[in-house]
Amino acid sequence: MTVFLTIALVGFMMATVYALVRGIIAFLKTTEADLNGRGTGPSESALKQNKAMMMRIIFQGAAILVIVLMLAARHSG
């Protein structure tokens, strides 16, 4: 069980870093027009940034949940 949780934890940590890098890349591709709010609705860049942020938060939450499970298994065992 511990091996599975460790592998899951590493996977969620790598996914978190991946989502973070994607968000930074989307942020760096933001144009001046995006910043000035030209056009209707949110820009494509803003949508990509928001999606990357949500994915990062989900992966971080999953990693924390795995850590809690590992601690609970260690405490009960």
N, C-alpha and C. Protein backbone atom coordinates (compact mmCIF):
# COMPACT_ATOMS: atom_id res chain seq x y z
N MET A 1 0.83 -1.20 0.00
CA MET A 1 0.00 0.00 0.00
C MET A 1 0.87 1.25 0.00
N THR A 2 1.93 1.24 0.79
CA THR A 2 2.80 2.41 0.88
C THR A 2 3.48 2.69 -0.46
N VAL A 3 3.87 1.62 -1.15
CA VAL A 3 4.52 1.80 -2.46
C VAL A 3 3.55 2.46 -3.44
N PHE A 4 2.31 2.00 -3.46
CA PHE A 4 1.31 2.58 -4.35
C PHE A 4 1.08 4.06 -4.03
N LEU A 5 0.96 4.38 -2.74
CA LEU A 5 0.73 5.76 -2.34
C LEU A 5 1.93 6.64 -2.66
N THR A 6 3.13 6.10 -2.52
CA THR A 6 4.33 6.86 -2.86
C THR A 6 4.38 7.17 -4.35
N ILE A 7 4.06 6.16 -5.16
CA ILE A 7 4.03 6.37 -6.61
C ILE A 7 2.95 7.39 -6.98
N ALA A 8 1.79 7.29 -6.35
CA ALA A 8 0.71 8.25 -6.60
C ALA A 8 1.14 9.66 -6.20
N LEU A 9 1.82 9.78 -5.06
CA LEU A 9 2.28 11.08 -4.60
C LEU A 9 3.25 11.70 -5.58
N VAL A 10 4.21 10.92 -6.04
CA VAL A 10 5.19 11.43 -7.01
C VAL A 10 4.48 11.84 -8.30
N GLY A 11 3.52 11.04 -8.73
CA GLY A 11 2.76 11.37 -9.94
C GLY A 11 2.00 12.69 -9.80
N PHE A 12 1.33 12.88 -8.67
CA PHE A 12 0.60 14.12 -8.45
C PHE A 12 1.55 15.32 -8.34
N MET A 13 2.72 15.10 -7.75
CA MET A 13 3.70 16.19 -7.66
C MET A 13 4.20 16.58 -9.04
N MET A 14 4.46 15.59 -9.89
CA MET A 14 4.92 15.89 -11.24
C MET A 14 3.81 16.58 -12.04
N ALA A 15 2.57 16.14 -11.86
CA ALA A 15 1.45 16.78 -12.55
C ALA A 15 1.28 18.22 -12.09
N THR A 16 1.53 18.49 -10.81
CA THR A 16 1.44 19.85 -10.29
C THR A 16 2.47 20.74 -10.96
N VAL A 17 3.70 20.25 -11.07
CA VAL A 17 4.76 21.04 -11.72
C VAL A 17 4.42 21.27 -13.18
N TYR A 18 3.90 20.25 -13.85
CA TYR A 18 3.51 20.38 -15.25
C TYR A 18 2.44 21.47 -15.43
N ALA A 19 1.42 21.44 -14.57
CA ALA A 19 0.35 22.45 -14.66
C ALA A 19 0.90 23.84 -14.36
N LEU A 20 1.83 23.93 -13.41
CA LEU A 20 2.44 25.21 -13.09
C LEU A 20 3.21 25.76 -14.28
N VAL A 21 3.99 24.93 -14.94
CA VAL A 21 4.77 25.36 -16.10
C VAL A 21 3.84 25.79 -17.23
N ARG A 22 2.77 25.02 -17.46
CA ARG A 22 1.82 25.41 -18.51
C ARG A 22 1.18 26.76 -18.21
N GLY A 23 0.85 27.01 -16.95
CA GLY A 23 0.28 28.30 -16.58
C GLY A 23 1.26 29.45 -16.79
N ILE A 24 2.52 29.21 -16.46
CA ILE A 24 3.54 30.24 -16.65
C ILE A 24 3.74 30.52 -18.14
N ILE A 25 3.75 29.48 -18.95
CA ILE A 25 3.89 29.67 -20.40
C ILE A 25 2.71 30.45 -20.95
N ALA A 26 1.50 30.13 -20.50
CA ALA A 26 0.31 30.88 -20.95
C ALA A 26 0.41 32.33 -20.51
N PHE A 27 0.91 32.57 -19.30
CA PHE A 27 1.08 33.93 -18.82
C PHE A 27 2.09 34.70 -19.66
N LEU A 28 3.19 34.04 -20.02
CA LEU A 28 4.21 34.70 -20.81
C LEU A 28 3.74 35.01 -22.23
N LYS A 29 2.76 34.27 -22.72
CA LYS A 29 2.22 34.51 -24.06
C LYS A 29 1.13 35.57 -24.07
N THR A 30 0.83 36.15 -22.92
CA THR A 30 -0.20 37.18 -22.85
C THR A 30 0.24 38.41 -23.64
N THR A 31 -0.65 38.91 -24.48
CA THR A 31 -0.33 40.08 -25.29
C THR A 31 -0.88 41.35 -24.63
N GLU A 32 -0.46 42.47 -25.14
CA GLU A 32 -0.94 43.75 -24.61
C GLU A 32 -2.44 43.89 -24.83
N ALA A 33 -2.94 43.38 -25.95
CA ALA A 33 -4.38 43.43 -26.22
C ALA A 33 -5.15 42.63 -25.17
N ASP A 34 -4.59 41.49 -24.75
CA ASP A 34 -5.23 40.69 -23.71
C ASP A 34 -5.29 41.48 -22.40
N LEU A 35 -4.22 42.17 -22.08
CA LEU A 35 -4.16 42.92 -20.83
C LEU A 35 -5.10 44.11 -20.83
N ASN A 36 -5.30 44.73 -22.00
CA ASN A 36 -6.18 45.89 -22.09
C ASN A 36 -7.65 45.50 -22.16
N GLY A 37 -7.94 44.23 -22.31
CA GLY A 37 -9.33 43.76 -22.31
C GLY A 37 -10.06 44.04 -23.60
N ARG A 38 -9.34 44.14 -24.69
CA ARG A 38 -10.01 44.34 -25.98
C ARG A 38 -10.73 43.06 -26.39
N GLY A 39 -11.85 43.21 -27.01
CA GLY A 39 -12.61 42.05 -27.44
C GLY A 39 -13.72 41.75 -26.44
N THR A 40 -14.44 40.69 -26.73
CA THR A 40 -15.56 40.34 -25.86
C THR A 40 -15.18 39.14 -25.01
N GLY A 41 -15.44 39.23 -23.75
CA GLY A 41 -15.18 38.12 -22.84
C GLY A 41 -13.71 37.96 -22.54
N PRO A 42 -13.39 36.93 -21.77
CA PRO A 42 -11.99 36.70 -21.42
C PRO A 42 -11.19 36.22 -22.63
N SER A 43 -9.92 36.57 -22.64
CA SER A 43 -9.07 36.17 -23.76
C SER A 43 -8.74 34.69 -23.67
N GLU A 44 -8.25 34.17 -24.77
CA GLU A 44 -7.84 32.76 -24.81
C GLU A 44 -6.70 32.50 -23.82
N SER A 45 -5.80 33.46 -23.70
CA SER A 45 -4.69 33.34 -22.77
C SER A 45 -5.18 33.28 -21.33
N ALA A 46 -6.16 34.12 -20.99
CA ALA A 46 -6.71 34.12 -19.63
C ALA A 46 -7.40 32.80 -19.32
N LEU A 47 -8.10 32.24 -20.30
CA LEU A 47 -8.77 30.96 -20.10
C LEU A 47 -7.75 29.84 -19.87
N LYS A 48 -6.65 29.87 -20.63
CA LYS A 48 -5.61 28.86 -20.45
C LYS A 48 -4.96 28.99 -19.07
N GLN A 49 -4.73 30.23 -18.65
CA GLN A 49 -4.14 30.46 -17.33
C GLN A 49 -5.06 29.94 -16.23
N ASN A 50 -6.35 30.22 -16.35
CA ASN A 50 -7.32 29.76 -15.35
C ASN A 50 -7.41 28.23 -15.31
N LYS A 51 -7.39 27.61 -16.48
CA LYS A 51 -7.46 26.15 -16.53
C LYS A 51 -6.22 25.54 -15.88
N ALA A 52 -5.05 26.10 -16.18
CA ALA A 52 -3.81 25.59 -15.59
C ALA A 52 -3.82 25.77 -14.08
N MET A 53 -4.35 26.89 -13.61
CA MET A 53 -4.41 27.15 -12.16
C MET A 53 -5.34 26.13 -11.49
N MET A 54 -6.49 25.86 -12.09
CA MET A 54 -7.42 24.90 -11.50
C MET A 54 -6.82 23.50 -11.47
N MET A 55 -6.15 23.12 -12.54
CA MET A 55 -5.51 21.80 -12.57
C MET A 55 -4.42 21.71 -11.50
N ARG A 56 -3.66 22.77 -11.33
CA ARG A 56 -2.61 22.77 -10.31
C ARG A 56 -3.21 22.61 -8.92
N ILE A 57 -4.29 23.31 -8.66
CA ILE A 57 -4.94 23.21 -7.35
C ILE A 57 -5.49 21.80 -7.12
N ILE A 58 -6.08 21.21 -8.15
CA ILE A 58 -6.60 19.84 -8.02
C ILE A 58 -5.47 18.86 -7.74
N PHE A 59 -4.36 18.98 -8.47
CA PHE A 59 -3.24 18.07 -8.26
C PHE A 59 -2.61 18.26 -6.88
N GLN A 60 -2.52 19.50 -6.43
CA GLN A 60 -1.99 19.75 -5.09
C GLN A 60 -2.90 19.15 -4.03
N GLY A 61 -4.20 19.30 -4.20
CA GLY A 61 -5.15 18.72 -3.25
C GLY A 61 -5.05 17.20 -3.22
N ALA A 62 -4.90 16.60 -4.39
CA ALA A 62 -4.76 15.14 -4.45
C ALA A 62 -3.47 14.69 -3.76
N ALA A 63 -2.39 15.45 -3.95
CA ALA A 63 -1.12 15.11 -3.29
C ALA A 63 -1.27 15.22 -1.77
N ILE A 64 -1.94 16.23 -1.31
CA ILE A 64 -2.16 16.37 0.14
C ILE A 64 -3.01 15.22 0.67
N LEU A 65 -4.01 14.83 -0.09
CA LEU A 65 -4.85 13.70 0.32
C LEU A 65 -4.02 12.41 0.42
N VAL A 66 -3.13 12.20 -0.52
CA VAL A 66 -2.27 11.02 -0.47
C VAL A 66 -1.36 11.07 0.75
N ILE A 67 -0.83 12.24 1.08
CA ILE A 67 0.01 12.37 2.27
C ILE A 67 -0.80 12.05 3.53
N VAL A 68 -2.02 12.53 3.60
CA VAL A 68 -2.89 12.23 4.74
C VAL A 68 -3.13 10.73 4.84
N LEU A 69 -3.39 10.08 3.71
CA LEU A 69 -3.59 8.63 3.71
C LEU A 69 -2.33 7.90 4.16
N MET A 70 -1.17 8.37 3.73
CA MET A 70 0.08 7.74 4.14
C MET A 70 0.30 7.89 5.65
N LEU A 71 0.01 9.07 6.17
CA LEU A 71 0.16 9.29 7.60
C LEU A 71 -0.84 8.46 8.40
N ALA A 72 -2.06 8.35 7.90
CA ALA A 72 -3.07 7.54 8.58
C ALA A 72 -2.69 6.07 8.57
N ALA A 73 -2.16 5.57 7.47
CA ALA A 73 -1.74 4.19 7.38
C ALA A 73 -0.56 3.93 8.30
N ARG A 74 0.33 4.90 8.40
CA ARG A 74 1.50 4.74 9.27
C ARG A 74 1.08 4.75 10.74
N HIS A 75 0.11 5.59 11.08
CA HIS A 75 -0.34 5.72 12.47
C HIS A 75 -1.11 4.48 12.91
N SER A 76 -1.92 3.92 12.01
CA SER A 76 -2.75 2.77 12.40
C SER A 76 -1.97 1.46 12.36
N GLY A 77 -0.87 1.45 11.61
CA GLY A 77 -0.12 0.21 11.43
C GLY A 77 0.87 0.00 12.47
